[in-house]
Structures are given as C-alpha cells and as structure tokens.
C-alpha cells in the first residue's frame, strides 16, 4: 500500500509492518533480535529498517516514561474552540501551542471544538498557571473545556495489526 509522506512515497508490506510493530513494543532491540522476531536475516532487516526511516514511516524513537514518577502527576485533556477561524488566528494559536512543553499532543477536531490538547503538569496550581499564563494570552480563544484524567484503562504505542 503506497503511503505519501511529504515528497516520499513508501510502500509497506506485511514484513515492514511486523518490523514496525516489533519496534513499537521494544524500540531498544538489536537488529539481530529484530531480524529474529520478524523471521529475516539481519542484513535485509536492517535495509528495510533504514528504508522505513528514510521514507518517513518511522519518524523517531523515544522512551516511554511514567509521568507520575517523573513528577508530572496531572494529565488533562483540554478542548478549545476559537472565536474566529481567520488564517492569522489559527496560525497564531497553532504556533503558540506547538511551543508549549506542557502540551504533548494537539489535534484539530471536528464537531463542537476546534482543538483537543493533551497536557501534562505537576498539579492543579501548575495547570492554573498554564491556562492563565499560556492559553489565555494567545487571544482568539472562545472557550476552554477541561477534563482531568483520574485513571488510564489502556495506553499503548503499538498500532493494531492490519491482517
């Protein structure tokens, strides 16, 4: 299946998806272990991995960290509706939110809200500071809805299988 990523077109087959899922489960595995996990010899496995990186299908590697143990014990979903959708208002909002380290994700949404943010902060005081000193000064924000996460039932970085 061809995948368009910027100027690149990547064609993924089942073996590529196996490589991706194996790395999503354990991004630190050696090429030897990865090759064994997907039933390839190391050289073609490494070649496929490099092609997945070059094409932009694999965009990076990171560590999964327990936010509470790190000191960021409050996870919040923030839904924002803009007052107007003029290009400069939208661009300003997106540029400002992108620069906020507390915002782990920002999604453009359909429906009643324009954006949903996933925010991590240390606690309620830090969240109040975030809203008052970072979101409010942006301008053009019509409404803010907040939902605090009090438990997580499932969290994974592994994509579903496409078989």
C-alpha atoms as a PDB file:
ATOM      1  CA  UNK A   1       0.000   0.000   0.000  1.00  0.00           C
ATOM      2  CA  UNK A   2       1.634   3.315  -1.070  1.00  0.00           C
ATOM      3  CA  UNK A   3       1.954   5.876   1.709  1.00  0.00           C
ATOM      4  CA  UNK A   4       2.514   9.548   0.850  1.00  0.00           C
ATOM      5  CA  UNK A   5       4.753  11.361   3.355  1.00  0.00           C
ATOM      6  CA  UNK A   6       5.800  14.793   2.132  1.00  0.00           C
ATOM      7  CA  UNK A   7       7.665  14.197  -1.109  1.00  0.00           C
ATOM      8  CA  UNK A   8       8.172  10.489  -0.386  1.00  0.00           C
ATOM      9  CA  UNK A   9       6.022   7.525  -1.277  1.00  0.00           C
ATOM     10  CA  UNK A  10       6.537   4.446   0.881  1.00  0.00           C
ATOM     11  CA  UNK A  11       5.131   1.041   0.053  1.00  0.00           C
ATOM     12  CA  UNK A  12       4.587  -1.089   3.147  1.00  0.00           C
ATOM     13  CA  UNK A  13       4.209  -4.837   3.068  1.00  0.00           C
ATOM     14  CA  UNK A  14       3.414  -7.232   5.891  1.00  0.00           C
ATOM     15  CA  UNK A  15       7.121  -7.666   6.763  1.00  0.00           C
ATOM     16  CA  UNK A  16       7.538  -3.874   7.131  1.00  0.00           C
ATOM     17  CA  UNK A  17       4.518  -3.800   9.442  1.00  0.00           C
ATOM     18  CA  UNK A  18       5.991  -6.651  11.502  1.00  0.00           C
ATOM     19  CA  UNK A  19       9.221  -4.659  11.875  1.00  0.00           C
ATOM     20  CA  UNK A  20       7.291  -1.563  12.937  1.00  0.00           C
ATOM     21  CA  UNK A  21       5.166  -3.416  15.491  1.00  0.00           C
ATOM     22  CA  UNK A  22       8.211  -5.190  16.945  1.00  0.00           C
ATOM     23  CA  UNK A  23       9.979  -1.841  17.364  1.00  0.00           C
ATOM     24  CA  UNK A  24       6.854  -0.261  18.862  1.00  0.00           C
ATOM     25  CA  UNK A  25       6.914  -2.994  21.509  1.00  0.00           C
ATOM     26  CA  UNK A  26      10.665  -2.665  22.139  1.00  0.00           C
ATOM     27  CA  UNK A  27      12.488   0.174  20.397  1.00  0.00           C
ATOM     28  CA  UNK A  28      15.789  -0.834  22.001  1.00  0.00           C
ATOM     29  CA  UNK A  29      16.010  -4.290  20.458  1.00  0.00           C
ATOM     30  CA  UNK A  30      19.139  -5.014  18.460  1.00  0.00           C
ATOM     31  CA  UNK A  31      18.952  -5.572  14.714  1.00  0.00           C
ATOM     32  CA  UNK A  32      19.799  -9.230  15.354  1.00  0.00           C
ATOM     33  CA  UNK A  33      16.840  -9.610  17.745  1.00  0.00           C
ATOM     34  CA  UNK A  34      14.580  -7.664  15.395  1.00  0.00           C
ATOM     35  CA  UNK A  35      15.566  -9.866  12.462  1.00  0.00           C
ATOM     36  CA  UNK A  36      14.785 -12.976  14.523  1.00  0.00           C
ATOM     37  CA  UNK A  37      11.447 -11.548  15.657  1.00  0.00           C
ATOM     38  CA  UNK A  38      10.301 -10.932  12.073  1.00  0.00           C
ATOM     39  CA  UNK A  39      11.966 -14.010  10.562  1.00  0.00           C
ATOM     40  CA  UNK A  40      14.509 -12.226   8.357  1.00  0.00           C
ATOM     41  CA  UNK A  41      18.276 -12.332   8.183  1.00  0.00           C
ATOM     42  CA  UNK A  42      19.974  -9.276   9.754  1.00  0.00           C
ATOM     43  CA  UNK A  43      21.125  -7.580   6.532  1.00  0.00           C
ATOM     44  CA  UNK A  44      17.714  -7.368   4.780  1.00  0.00           C
ATOM     45  CA  UNK A  45      16.106  -6.450   8.111  1.00  0.00           C
ATOM     46  CA  UNK A  46      18.489  -3.515   8.569  1.00  0.00           C
ATOM     47  CA  UNK A  47      17.932  -2.448   4.950  1.00  0.00           C
ATOM     48  CA  UNK A  48      14.156  -2.444   5.497  1.00  0.00           C
ATOM     49  CA  UNK A  49      14.535  -0.516   8.756  1.00  0.00           C
ATOM     50  CA  UNK A  50      16.683   2.155   7.074  1.00  0.00           C
ATOM     51  CA  UNK A  51      14.134   2.444   4.238  1.00  0.00           C
ATOM     52  CA  UNK A  52      11.313   2.882   6.777  1.00  0.00           C
ATOM     53  CA  UNK A  53      13.285   5.676   8.436  1.00  0.00           C
ATOM     54  CA  UNK A  54      14.310   7.326   5.150  1.00  0.00           C
ATOM     55  CA  UNK A  55      10.748   7.305   3.805  1.00  0.00           C
ATOM     56  CA  UNK A  56       9.407   8.931   6.977  1.00  0.00           C
ATOM     57  CA  UNK A  57       7.265   5.963   8.046  1.00  0.00           C
ATOM     58  CA  UNK A  58       9.410   5.647  11.186  1.00  0.00           C
ATOM     59  CA  UNK A  59       9.829   9.208  12.426  1.00  0.00           C
ATOM     60  CA  UNK A  60      11.890   8.564  15.555  1.00  0.00           C
ATOM     61  CA  UNK A  61      12.476   6.573  18.719  1.00  0.00           C
ATOM     62  CA  UNK A  62      11.757   7.577  22.298  1.00  0.00           C
ATOM     63  CA  UNK A  63      11.466   6.224  25.817  1.00  0.00           C
ATOM     64  CA  UNK A  64       8.041   5.649  27.398  1.00  0.00           C
ATOM     65  CA  UNK A  65       8.158   7.271  30.835  1.00  0.00           C
ATOM     66  CA  UNK A  66       5.837   7.063  33.827  1.00  0.00           C
ATOM     67  CA  UNK A  67       4.663  10.692  34.073  1.00  0.00           C
ATOM     68  CA  UNK A  68       3.753  10.452  37.783  1.00  0.00           C
ATOM     69  CA  UNK A  69       7.160   9.079  38.749  1.00  0.00           C
ATOM     70  CA  UNK A  70       8.747  11.783  36.580  1.00  0.00           C
ATOM     71  CA  UNK A  71       6.865  14.398  38.621  1.00  0.00           C
ATOM     72  CA  UNK A  72       4.043  15.266  36.209  1.00  0.00           C
ATOM     73  CA  UNK A  73       1.136  13.706  38.067  1.00  0.00           C
ATOM     74  CA  UNK A  74      -1.730  15.508  36.354  1.00  0.00           C
ATOM     75  CA  UNK A  75      -2.853  14.625  32.832  1.00  0.00           C
ATOM     76  CA  UNK A  76      -5.557  16.802  31.311  1.00  0.00           C
ATOM     77  CA  UNK A  77      -7.497  16.870  28.057  1.00  0.00           C
ATOM     78  CA  UNK A  78      -8.245  20.448  27.079  1.00  0.00           C
ATOM     79  CA  UNK A  79     -10.780  21.211  24.356  1.00  0.00           C
ATOM     80  CA  UNK A  80     -10.517  24.648  22.782  1.00  0.00           C
ATOM     81  CA  UNK A  81     -12.871  26.483  20.482  1.00  0.00           C
ATOM     82  CA  UNK A  82     -11.591  29.560  18.679  1.00  0.00           C
ATOM     83  CA  UNK A  83     -13.714  32.695  18.365  1.00  0.00           C
ATOM     84  CA  UNK A  84     -12.843  33.093  14.688  1.00  0.00           C
ATOM     85  CA  UNK A  85     -11.173  30.918  12.089  1.00  0.00           C
ATOM     86  CA  UNK A  86      -9.220  33.602  10.251  1.00  0.00           C
ATOM     87  CA  UNK A  87      -5.915  32.306   8.973  1.00  0.00           C
ATOM     88  CA  UNK A  88      -3.819  34.532  11.238  1.00  0.00           C
ATOM     89  CA  UNK A  89      -5.799  33.488  14.352  1.00  0.00           C
ATOM     90  CA  UNK A  90      -5.410  29.785  13.526  1.00  0.00           C
ATOM     91  CA  UNK A  91      -1.710  30.098  12.674  1.00  0.00           C
ATOM     92  CA  UNK A  92      -1.003  32.100  15.828  1.00  0.00           C
ATOM     93  CA  UNK A  93      -2.825  29.566  18.011  1.00  0.00           C
ATOM     94  CA  UNK A  94      -1.064  26.580  16.430  1.00  0.00           C
ATOM     95  CA  UNK A  95       2.368  28.243  16.562  1.00  0.00           C
ATOM     96  CA  UNK A  96       1.977  29.192  20.229  1.00  0.00           C
ATOM     97  CA  UNK A  97       0.604  25.787  21.322  1.00  0.00           C
ATOM     98  CA  UNK A  98       3.356  23.962  19.444  1.00  0.00           C
ATOM     99  CA  UNK A  99       5.948  25.817  21.544  1.00  0.00           C
ATOM    100  CA  UNK A 100       4.372  24.803  24.897  1.00  0.00           C
ATOM    101  CA  UNK A 101       6.243  21.906  26.520  1.00  0.00           C
ATOM    102  CA  UNK A 102       3.202  21.018  28.667  1.00  0.00           C
ATOM    103  CA  UNK A 103       1.252  20.158  25.501  1.00  0.00           C
ATOM    104  CA  UNK A 104       2.136  16.619  24.442  1.00  0.00           C
ATOM    105  CA  UNK A 105      -0.473  16.443  21.686  1.00  0.00           C
ATOM    106  CA  UNK A 106      -2.630  18.959  19.844  1.00  0.00           C
ATOM    107  CA  UNK A 107      -5.296  17.648  17.475  1.00  0.00           C
ATOM    108  CA  UNK A 108      -7.574  19.602  15.129  1.00  0.00           C
ATOM    109  CA  UNK A 109     -11.073  18.278  15.690  1.00  0.00           C
ATOM    110  CA  UNK A 110     -14.446  18.116  14.005  1.00  0.00           C
ATOM    111  CA  UNK A 111     -17.581  18.903  15.971  1.00  0.00           C
ATOM    112  CA  UNK A 112     -18.125  21.480  18.717  1.00  0.00           C
ATOM    113  CA  UNK A 113     -14.449  22.154  19.475  1.00  0.00           C
ATOM    114  CA  UNK A 114     -11.571  23.099  17.199  1.00  0.00           C
ATOM    115  CA  UNK A 115      -8.637  21.555  19.101  1.00  0.00           C
ATOM    116  CA  UNK A 116      -8.024  18.915  21.720  1.00  0.00           C
ATOM    117  CA  UNK A 117      -4.805  19.141  23.704  1.00  0.00           C
ATOM    118  CA  UNK A 118      -3.243  16.508  25.912  1.00  0.00           C
ATOM    119  CA  UNK A 119      -1.457  18.336  28.700  1.00  0.00           C
ATOM    120  CA  UNK A 120       0.872  17.117  31.469  1.00  0.00           C
ATOM    121  CA  UNK A 121       1.610  19.241  34.532  1.00  0.00           C
ATOM    122  CA  UNK A 122       2.721  18.633  38.119  1.00  0.00           C
ATOM    123  CA  UNK A 123      -0.590  19.553  39.735  1.00  0.00           C
ATOM    124  CA  UNK A 124      -3.593  21.854  39.870  1.00  0.00           C
ATOM    125  CA  UNK A 125      -1.555  25.007  40.557  1.00  0.00           C
ATOM    126  CA  UNK A 126       0.619  24.277  37.537  1.00  0.00           C
ATOM    127  CA  UNK A 127      -2.486  23.747  35.407  1.00  0.00           C
ATOM    128  CA  UNK A 128      -3.989  27.049  36.544  1.00  0.00           C
ATOM    129  CA  UNK A 129      -0.696  28.740  35.666  1.00  0.00           C
ATOM    130  CA  UNK A 130      -0.718  27.033  32.254  1.00  0.00           C
ATOM    131  CA  UNK A 131      -4.237  28.276  31.445  1.00  0.00           C
ATOM    132  CA  UNK A 132      -3.775  31.807  32.836  1.00  0.00           C
ATOM    133  CA  UNK A 133      -0.269  32.479  31.542  1.00  0.00           C
ATOM    134  CA  UNK A 134      -0.049  30.452  28.357  1.00  0.00           C
ATOM    135  CA  UNK A 135      -3.507  29.771  26.883  1.00  0.00           C
ATOM    136  CA  UNK A 136      -5.366  32.999  27.772  1.00  0.00           C
ATOM    137  CA  UNK A 137      -2.660  35.317  26.360  1.00  0.00           C
ATOM    138  CA  UNK A 138      -2.876  33.660  22.939  1.00  0.00           C
ATOM    139  CA  UNK A 139      -6.030  35.590  22.086  1.00  0.00           C
ATOM    140  CA  UNK A 140      -8.858  34.418  19.860  1.00  0.00           C
ATOM    141  CA  UNK A 141      -9.818  31.581  22.226  1.00  0.00           C
ATOM    142  CA  UNK A 142     -13.607  31.378  22.518  1.00  0.00           C
ATOM    143  CA  UNK A 143     -13.930  28.606  25.089  1.00  0.00           C
ATOM    144  CA  UNK A 144     -11.874  26.131  27.083  1.00  0.00           C
ATOM    145  CA  UNK A 145     -13.212  22.806  28.401  1.00  0.00           C
ATOM    146  CA  UNK A 146     -11.101  20.747  30.778  1.00  0.00           C
ATOM    147  CA  UNK A 147     -11.257  17.041  31.642  1.00  0.00           C
ATOM    148  CA  UNK A 148      -8.861  15.693  34.249  1.00  0.00           C
ATOM    149  CA  UNK A 149      -7.640  12.114  33.813  1.00  0.00           C
ATOM    150  CA  UNK A 150      -8.097  10.175  37.043  1.00  0.00           C
ATOM    151  CA  UNK A 151      -7.184   6.785  35.639  1.00  0.00           C
ATOM    152  CA  UNK A 152      -5.945   5.143  32.463  1.00  0.00           C
ATOM    153  CA  UNK A 153      -7.516   1.895  31.285  1.00  0.00           C
ATOM    154  CA  UNK A 154      -5.284   1.390  28.241  1.00  0.00           C
ATOM    155  CA  UNK A 155      -2.260   3.173  26.842  1.00  0.00           C
ATOM    156  CA  UNK A 156      -0.176   1.741  24.031  1.00  0.00           C
ATOM    157  CA  UNK A 157       2.171   2.888  21.309  1.00  0.00           C
ATOM    158  CA  UNK A 158       1.678  -0.312  19.284  1.00  0.00           C
ATOM    159  CA  UNK A 159      -0.508   0.038  16.197  1.00  0.00           C
ATOM    160  CA  UNK A 160      -3.189  -2.566  15.503  1.00  0.00           C
ATOM    161  CA  UNK A 161      -2.311  -5.335  13.086  1.00  0.00           C
ATOM    162  CA  UNK A 162      -3.642  -4.833   9.548  1.00  0.00           C
ATOM    163  CA  UNK A 163      -4.182  -8.512   8.682  1.00  0.00           C
END
